Amino acid sequence: MKRDKKRIEGEPWSAEQLQLYLDFNTYDGTDRDFHCLYRAYTRMDETAFLQFVALFKSEGRNLAATNPDGHTLAALLANHAQSEFYLGALV
């Protein structure tokens, strides 16, 4: 993040902001759907992530997309101690 940019936390995510997370590209061969989901997980609060997953599904995107090691986001979240809500949103 640029130093002149202030990090905003606790603010609601707009529909436009959520939509932007559908458009990330990868340059290392990572499945695009996995990359978008992972970035959303690492940057969004629970409410925004739930909205994003709904949007993701409505766009026909793949919740079972895998990373280069063959793991889905749900499989990775199963190992994170505080990811229960996020994991539930993917089911």
Protein backbone atom coordinates (compact mmCIF):
# COMPACT_ATOMS: atom_id res chain seq x y z
CA MET A 1 0.00 0.00 0.00
CA LYS A 2 1.33 3.43 -0.83
CA ARG A 3 2.28 5.54 2.15
CA ASP A 4 -0.10 8.30 1.07
CA LYS A 5 -3.02 5.86 1.20
CA LYS A 6 -4.87 5.46 4.46
CA ARG A 7 -6.01 1.95 5.36
CA ILE A 8 -9.73 1.98 6.07
CA GLU A 9 -11.14 -0.72 8.30
CA GLY A 10 -14.69 -1.29 9.42
CA GLU A 11 -16.23 0.57 6.49
CA PRO A 12 -18.88 -1.25 4.44
CA TRP A 13 -17.72 -2.46 1.03
CA SER A 14 -19.60 -1.04 -1.94
CA ALA A 15 -20.89 -3.22 -4.75
CA GLU A 16 -18.26 -1.64 -7.01
CA GLN A 17 -15.45 -2.55 -4.61
CA LEU A 18 -16.66 -6.13 -4.40
CA GLN A 19 -16.92 -6.31 -8.19
CA LEU A 20 -13.28 -5.27 -8.53
CA TYR A 21 -12.24 -8.43 -6.68
CA LEU A 22 -13.71 -10.52 -9.51
CA ASP A 23 -11.29 -9.03 -11.99
CA PHE A 24 -7.88 -9.95 -10.59
CA ASN A 25 -5.52 -11.71 -12.97
CA THR A 26 -2.62 -13.98 -12.16
CA TYR A 27 0.70 -14.21 -13.88
CA ASP A 28 2.07 -17.38 -12.31
CA GLY A 29 -0.49 -19.90 -13.53
CA THR A 30 -2.67 -19.80 -10.42
CA ASP A 31 -6.32 -20.42 -11.23
CA ARG A 32 -7.96 -17.02 -11.53
CA ASP A 33 -10.99 -18.01 -9.45
CA PHE A 34 -8.78 -19.29 -6.63
CA HIS A 35 -6.72 -16.10 -6.74
CA CYS A 36 -9.80 -13.86 -6.51
CA LEU A 37 -11.23 -15.88 -3.60
CA TYR A 38 -7.93 -15.93 -1.73
CA ARG A 39 -7.41 -12.18 -2.11
CA ALA A 40 -10.95 -11.55 -0.89
CA TYR A 41 -10.39 -13.82 2.12
CA THR A 42 -7.17 -12.07 3.10
CA ARG A 43 -8.56 -8.55 2.72
CA MET A 44 -12.26 -8.57 3.59
CA ASP A 45 -14.11 -8.67 6.86
CA GLU A 46 -16.75 -11.34 7.39
CA THR A 47 -19.68 -9.29 6.07
CA ALA A 48 -17.90 -8.21 2.91
CA PHE A 49 -16.61 -11.74 2.27
CA LEU A 50 -20.12 -13.17 2.55
CA GLN A 51 -21.37 -10.60 0.03
CA PHE A 52 -18.40 -11.30 -2.24
CA VAL A 53 -19.03 -15.05 -2.22
CA ALA A 54 -22.68 -14.45 -3.16
CA LEU A 55 -21.54 -12.25 -6.05
CA PHE A 56 -18.88 -14.79 -7.02
CA LYS A 57 -21.49 -17.56 -7.18
CA SER A 58 -23.95 -15.40 -9.12
CA GLU A 59 -21.24 -14.84 -11.75
CA GLY A 60 -20.89 -18.61 -12.16
CA ARG A 61 -17.35 -18.66 -10.77
CA ASN A 62 -15.73 -21.79 -9.34
CA LEU A 63 -15.65 -22.06 -5.52
CA ALA A 64 -13.71 -25.32 -5.91
CA ALA A 65 -10.85 -23.69 -7.84
CA THR A 66 -7.42 -24.81 -6.67
CA ASN A 67 -4.03 -23.21 -6.12
CA PRO A 68 -0.92 -24.59 -7.89
CA ASP A 69 -0.58 -27.20 -5.12
CA GLY A 70 -4.09 -28.51 -5.82
CA HIS A 71 -5.73 -27.09 -2.67
CA THR A 72 -9.07 -25.29 -2.63
CA LEU A 73 -9.54 -22.22 -0.46
CA ALA A 74 -11.81 -24.29 1.79
CA ALA A 75 -9.02 -26.84 2.29
CA LEU A 76 -6.60 -24.07 3.26
CA LEU A 77 -9.10 -22.46 5.61
CA ALA A 78 -9.62 -25.75 7.42
CA ASN A 79 -6.11 -25.20 8.83
CA HIS A 80 -6.70 -21.62 9.97
CA ALA A 81 -7.75 -21.31 13.59
CA GLN A 82 -10.13 -18.36 13.17
CA SER A 83 -11.60 -19.09 9.75
CA GLU A 84 -14.85 -20.84 10.69
CA PHE A 85 -17.09 -18.06 9.37
CA TYR A 86 -15.17 -17.77 6.11
CA LEU A 87 -15.18 -21.52 5.63
CA GLY A 88 -18.93 -21.59 6.25
CA ALA A 89 -19.44 -18.91 3.61
CA LEU A 90 -17.84 -21.18 1.01
CA VAL A 91 -20.16 -24.10 1.66
